[in-house]
Amino acid sequence: MDFRKDSATPARKPETCPHRKRLGENVASLRARRGLTQEKLAEKVGVSTRYMQSVEAGDYFPSLPTLVRLRGSLRCEWDELFAGCEKVQ
């Protein structure tokens, strides 16, 4: 019996998507521009450092509330955060 079957936690690490990867690169760049460490940004956003590392690596896409806090902490515009993430048809 697989105990994860009904769990909200994914059983496997999700495949990397180009949009998650690009968002992660943008977050890392904006964070560096602001002179913040991953630890400090994670603290400001209210997530763990490991989660912030995963976002920057393109492993996870943050929820909308997390994105709003991330944008506020980085003091950037939405287009800066999503630069290079073209609309998928």
N, C-alpha and C. Protein backbone atom coordinates (compact mmCIF):
# COMPACT_ATOMS: atom_id res chain seq x y z
N MET A 1 0.85 -1.19 0.00
CA MET A 1 0.00 0.00 0.00
C MET A 1 0.89 1.24 0.00
N ASP A 2 0.59 2.18 -0.90
CA ASP A 2 1.35 3.42 -1.00
C ASP A 2 0.66 4.49 -0.15
N PHE A 3 1.28 4.86 0.96
CA PHE A 3 0.66 5.84 1.87
C PHE A 3 0.58 7.23 1.26
N ARG A 4 1.32 7.50 0.19
CA ARG A 4 1.31 8.82 -0.43
C ARG A 4 0.17 8.99 -1.44
N LYS A 5 -0.50 7.93 -1.76
CA LYS A 5 -1.53 7.97 -2.80
C LYS A 5 -2.55 9.09 -2.57
N ASP A 6 -3.00 9.25 -1.35
CA ASP A 6 -4.01 10.26 -1.03
C ASP A 6 -3.39 11.49 -0.39
N SER A 7 -2.09 11.55 -0.33
CA SER A 7 -1.40 12.66 0.31
C SER A 7 -1.26 13.84 -0.64
N ALA A 8 -1.17 15.04 -0.10
CA ALA A 8 -0.95 16.24 -0.90
C ALA A 8 0.51 16.37 -1.31
N THR A 9 1.39 15.60 -0.70
CA THR A 9 2.81 15.64 -1.00
C THR A 9 3.08 14.79 -2.24
N PRO A 10 3.76 15.37 -3.25
CA PRO A 10 4.05 14.56 -4.44
C PRO A 10 4.99 13.41 -4.12
N ALA A 11 4.76 12.26 -4.73
CA ALA A 11 5.59 11.09 -4.49
C ALA A 11 6.97 11.26 -5.13
N ARG A 12 7.02 11.95 -6.26
CA ARG A 12 8.28 12.19 -6.96
C ARG A 12 8.47 13.68 -7.16
N LYS A 13 9.72 14.06 -7.33
CA LYS A 13 10.04 15.45 -7.63
C LYS A 13 9.46 15.76 -9.02
N PRO A 14 8.73 16.87 -9.17
CA PRO A 14 8.15 17.19 -10.47
C PRO A 14 9.24 17.49 -11.50
N GLU A 15 8.95 17.17 -12.76
CA GLU A 15 9.89 17.48 -13.83
C GLU A 15 10.05 18.99 -13.94
N THR A 16 11.26 19.42 -14.30
CA THR A 16 11.52 20.84 -14.43
C THR A 16 10.84 21.37 -15.68
N CYS A 17 10.15 22.46 -15.52
CA CYS A 17 9.43 23.14 -16.60
C CYS A 17 10.21 24.40 -16.95
N PRO A 18 10.28 24.79 -18.23
CA PRO A 18 11.04 25.98 -18.59
C PRO A 18 10.54 27.25 -17.91
N HIS A 19 9.25 27.32 -17.63
CA HIS A 19 8.70 28.51 -16.96
C HIS A 19 9.14 28.58 -15.50
N ARG A 20 9.13 27.42 -14.83
CA ARG A 20 9.62 27.40 -13.43
C ARG A 20 11.09 27.73 -13.39
N LYS A 21 11.84 27.20 -14.34
CA LYS A 21 13.29 27.46 -14.40
C LYS A 21 13.55 28.94 -14.61
N ARG A 22 12.83 29.55 -15.54
CA ARG A 22 13.03 30.98 -15.84
C ARG A 22 12.62 31.84 -14.64
N LEU A 23 11.50 31.52 -14.01
CA LEU A 23 11.08 32.26 -12.82
C LEU A 23 12.15 32.16 -11.74
N GLY A 24 12.69 30.96 -11.55
CA GLY A 24 13.74 30.77 -10.55
C GLY A 24 14.97 31.62 -10.84
N GLU A 25 15.36 31.69 -12.12
CA GLU A 25 16.49 32.53 -12.51
C GLU A 25 16.20 34.00 -12.24
N ASN A 26 14.97 34.41 -12.53
CA ASN A 26 14.59 35.81 -12.27
C ASN A 26 14.61 36.13 -10.78
N VAL A 27 14.10 35.21 -9.97
CA VAL A 27 14.09 35.42 -8.52
C VAL A 27 15.53 35.54 -8.01
N ALA A 28 16.40 34.66 -8.46
CA ALA A 28 17.80 34.68 -8.02
C ALA A 28 18.47 36.00 -8.42
N SER A 29 18.21 36.45 -9.65
CA SER A 29 18.80 37.69 -10.14
C SER A 29 18.29 38.90 -9.36
N LEU A 30 16.98 38.96 -9.15
CA LEU A 30 16.39 40.08 -8.40
C LEU A 30 16.86 40.07 -6.95
N ARG A 31 16.97 38.88 -6.38
CA ARG A 31 17.45 38.76 -5.00
C ARG A 31 18.88 39.28 -4.88
N ALA A 32 19.73 38.89 -5.83
CA ALA A 32 21.13 39.33 -5.82
C ALA A 32 21.21 40.85 -5.99
N ARG A 33 20.36 41.38 -6.87
CA ARG A 33 20.35 42.83 -7.11
C ARG A 33 19.98 43.60 -5.84
N ARG A 34 19.13 42.99 -5.02
CA ARG A 34 18.72 43.63 -3.76
C ARG A 34 19.70 43.35 -2.62
N GLY A 35 20.71 42.53 -2.88
CA GLY A 35 21.69 42.22 -1.85
C GLY A 35 21.17 41.31 -0.76
N LEU A 36 20.21 40.46 -1.11
CA LEU A 36 19.62 39.54 -0.13
C LEU A 36 20.19 38.13 -0.30
N THR A 37 20.33 37.43 0.80
CA THR A 37 20.67 36.01 0.75
C THR A 37 19.38 35.22 0.57
N GLN A 38 19.50 33.95 0.21
CA GLN A 38 18.31 33.11 0.12
C GLN A 38 17.62 33.02 1.48
N GLU A 39 18.43 32.95 2.52
CA GLU A 39 17.88 32.85 3.88
C GLU A 39 17.06 34.09 4.23
N LYS A 40 17.60 35.27 3.92
CA LYS A 40 16.93 36.52 4.26
C LYS A 40 15.64 36.68 3.45
N LEU A 41 15.72 36.35 2.14
CA LEU A 41 14.51 36.44 1.32
C LEU A 41 13.45 35.46 1.79
N ALA A 42 13.85 34.25 2.11
CA ALA A 42 12.91 33.24 2.61
C ALA A 42 12.22 33.74 3.88
N GLU A 43 12.99 34.35 4.76
CA GLU A 43 12.44 34.90 6.00
C GLU A 43 11.41 35.98 5.70
N LYS A 44 11.74 36.89 4.78
CA LYS A 44 10.82 37.98 4.42
C LYS A 44 9.53 37.46 3.80
N VAL A 45 9.65 36.40 2.98
CA VAL A 45 8.50 35.84 2.29
C VAL A 45 7.67 34.93 3.19
N GLY A 46 8.31 34.35 4.21
CA GLY A 46 7.62 33.47 5.13
C GLY A 46 7.64 32.01 4.69
N VAL A 47 8.74 31.63 4.02
CA VAL A 47 8.92 30.23 3.60
C VAL A 47 10.27 29.75 4.11
N SER A 48 10.52 28.46 3.97
CA SER A 48 11.80 27.92 4.41
C SER A 48 12.89 28.26 3.39
N THR A 49 14.12 28.25 3.85
CA THR A 49 15.26 28.47 2.96
C THR A 49 15.30 27.38 1.91
N ARG A 50 15.03 26.16 2.30
CA ARG A 50 15.04 25.04 1.34
C ARG A 50 14.01 25.26 0.23
N TYR A 51 12.84 25.76 0.60
CA TYR A 51 11.80 26.02 -0.40
C TYR A 51 12.27 27.11 -1.37
N MET A 52 12.90 28.15 -0.84
CA MET A 52 13.40 29.24 -1.69
C MET A 52 14.47 28.70 -2.64
N GLN A 53 15.33 27.82 -2.14
CA GLN A 53 16.34 27.19 -3.00
C GLN A 53 15.66 26.40 -4.12
N SER A 54 14.60 25.70 -3.79
CA SER A 54 13.87 24.91 -4.78
C SER A 54 13.19 25.78 -5.82
N VAL A 55 12.67 26.91 -5.40
CA VAL A 55 12.05 27.85 -6.36
C VAL A 55 13.12 28.37 -7.31
N GLU A 56 14.25 28.80 -6.77
CA GLU A 56 15.33 29.33 -7.61
C GLU A 56 15.91 28.27 -8.55
N ALA A 57 15.86 27.01 -8.14
CA ALA A 57 16.36 25.92 -8.97
C ALA A 57 15.35 25.50 -10.04
N GLY A 58 14.13 26.03 -9.95
CA GLY A 58 13.10 25.67 -10.92
C GLY A 58 12.36 24.40 -10.57
N ASP A 59 12.49 23.95 -9.34
CA ASP A 59 11.82 22.72 -8.91
C ASP A 59 10.35 22.94 -8.56
N TYR A 60 10.02 24.11 -8.04
CA TYR A 60 8.65 24.39 -7.61
C TYR A 60 8.23 25.76 -8.09
N PHE A 61 6.92 25.88 -8.33
CA PHE A 61 6.32 27.16 -8.68
C PHE A 61 5.52 27.62 -7.47
N PRO A 62 5.81 28.81 -6.95
CA PRO A 62 5.13 29.28 -5.74
C PRO A 62 3.63 29.50 -5.96
N SER A 63 2.88 29.39 -4.89
CA SER A 63 1.44 29.69 -4.94
C SER A 63 1.26 31.19 -5.15
N LEU A 64 0.06 31.61 -5.51
CA LEU A 64 -0.20 33.02 -5.75
C LEU A 64 0.09 33.88 -4.51
N PRO A 65 -0.38 33.49 -3.32
CA PRO A 65 -0.05 34.30 -2.14
C PRO A 65 1.46 34.42 -1.90
N THR A 66 2.19 33.33 -2.16
CA THR A 66 3.65 33.36 -2.00
C THR A 66 4.28 34.28 -3.05
N LEU A 67 3.77 34.22 -4.29
CA LEU A 67 4.27 35.11 -5.34
C LEU A 67 4.07 36.58 -4.98
N VAL A 68 2.91 36.89 -4.40
CA VAL A 68 2.63 38.27 -3.99
C VAL A 68 3.63 38.72 -2.93
N ARG A 69 3.90 37.87 -1.94
CA ARG A 69 4.87 38.21 -0.90
C ARG A 69 6.28 38.30 -1.48
N LEU A 70 6.59 37.42 -2.42
CA LEU A 70 7.90 37.41 -3.07
C LEU A 70 8.12 38.71 -3.83
N ARG A 71 7.12 39.11 -4.60
CA ARG A 71 7.20 40.36 -5.36
C ARG A 71 7.39 41.55 -4.42
N GLY A 72 6.65 41.58 -3.34
CA GLY A 72 6.78 42.68 -2.37
C GLY A 72 8.15 42.70 -1.72
N SER A 73 8.68 41.54 -1.39
CA SER A 73 9.99 41.45 -0.74
C SER A 73 11.12 41.84 -1.68
N LEU A 74 10.94 41.54 -2.98
CA LEU A 74 11.96 41.88 -3.96
C LEU A 74 11.79 43.30 -4.52
N ARG A 75 10.67 43.94 -4.16
CA ARG A 75 10.37 45.30 -4.63
C ARG A 75 10.53 45.39 -6.15
N CYS A 76 9.79 44.53 -6.85
CA CYS A 76 9.88 44.49 -8.30
C CYS A 76 8.47 44.48 -8.91
N GLU A 77 8.43 44.67 -10.20
CA GLU A 77 7.18 44.60 -10.94
C GLU A 77 6.93 43.17 -11.39
N TRP A 78 5.68 42.85 -11.71
CA TRP A 78 5.34 41.50 -12.16
C TRP A 78 6.12 41.14 -13.41
N ASP A 79 6.28 42.11 -14.34
CA ASP A 79 6.98 41.77 -15.58
C ASP A 79 8.45 41.46 -15.35
N GLU A 80 9.05 42.02 -14.29
CA GLU A 80 10.43 41.67 -13.95
C GLU A 80 10.50 40.24 -13.40
N LEU A 81 9.52 39.89 -12.59
CA LEU A 81 9.48 38.57 -11.98
C LEU A 81 9.26 37.48 -13.03
N PHE A 82 8.42 37.78 -14.03
CA PHE A 82 8.08 36.79 -15.05
C PHE A 82 8.74 37.04 -16.39
N ALA A 83 9.79 37.86 -16.44
CA ALA A 83 10.48 38.15 -17.69
C ALA A 83 10.94 36.85 -18.35
N GLY A 84 10.66 36.71 -19.63
CA GLY A 84 11.07 35.51 -20.36
C GLY A 84 10.11 34.35 -20.26
N CYS A 85 9.04 34.51 -19.50
CA CYS A 85 8.03 33.45 -19.37
C CYS A 85 6.90 33.79 -20.34
N GLU A 86 7.05 33.37 -21.59
CA GLU A 86 6.04 33.67 -22.59
C GLU A 86 4.75 32.92 -22.31
N LYS A 87 3.68 33.49 -22.80
CA LYS A 87 2.38 32.87 -22.66
C LYS A 87 2.32 31.58 -23.46
N VAL A 88 1.81 30.54 -22.85
CA VAL A 88 1.67 29.25 -23.52
C VAL A 88 0.29 29.19 -24.15
N GLN A 89 0.24 28.87 -25.43
CA GLN A 89 -1.04 28.79 -26.16
C GLN A 89 -1.65 27.41 -26.03
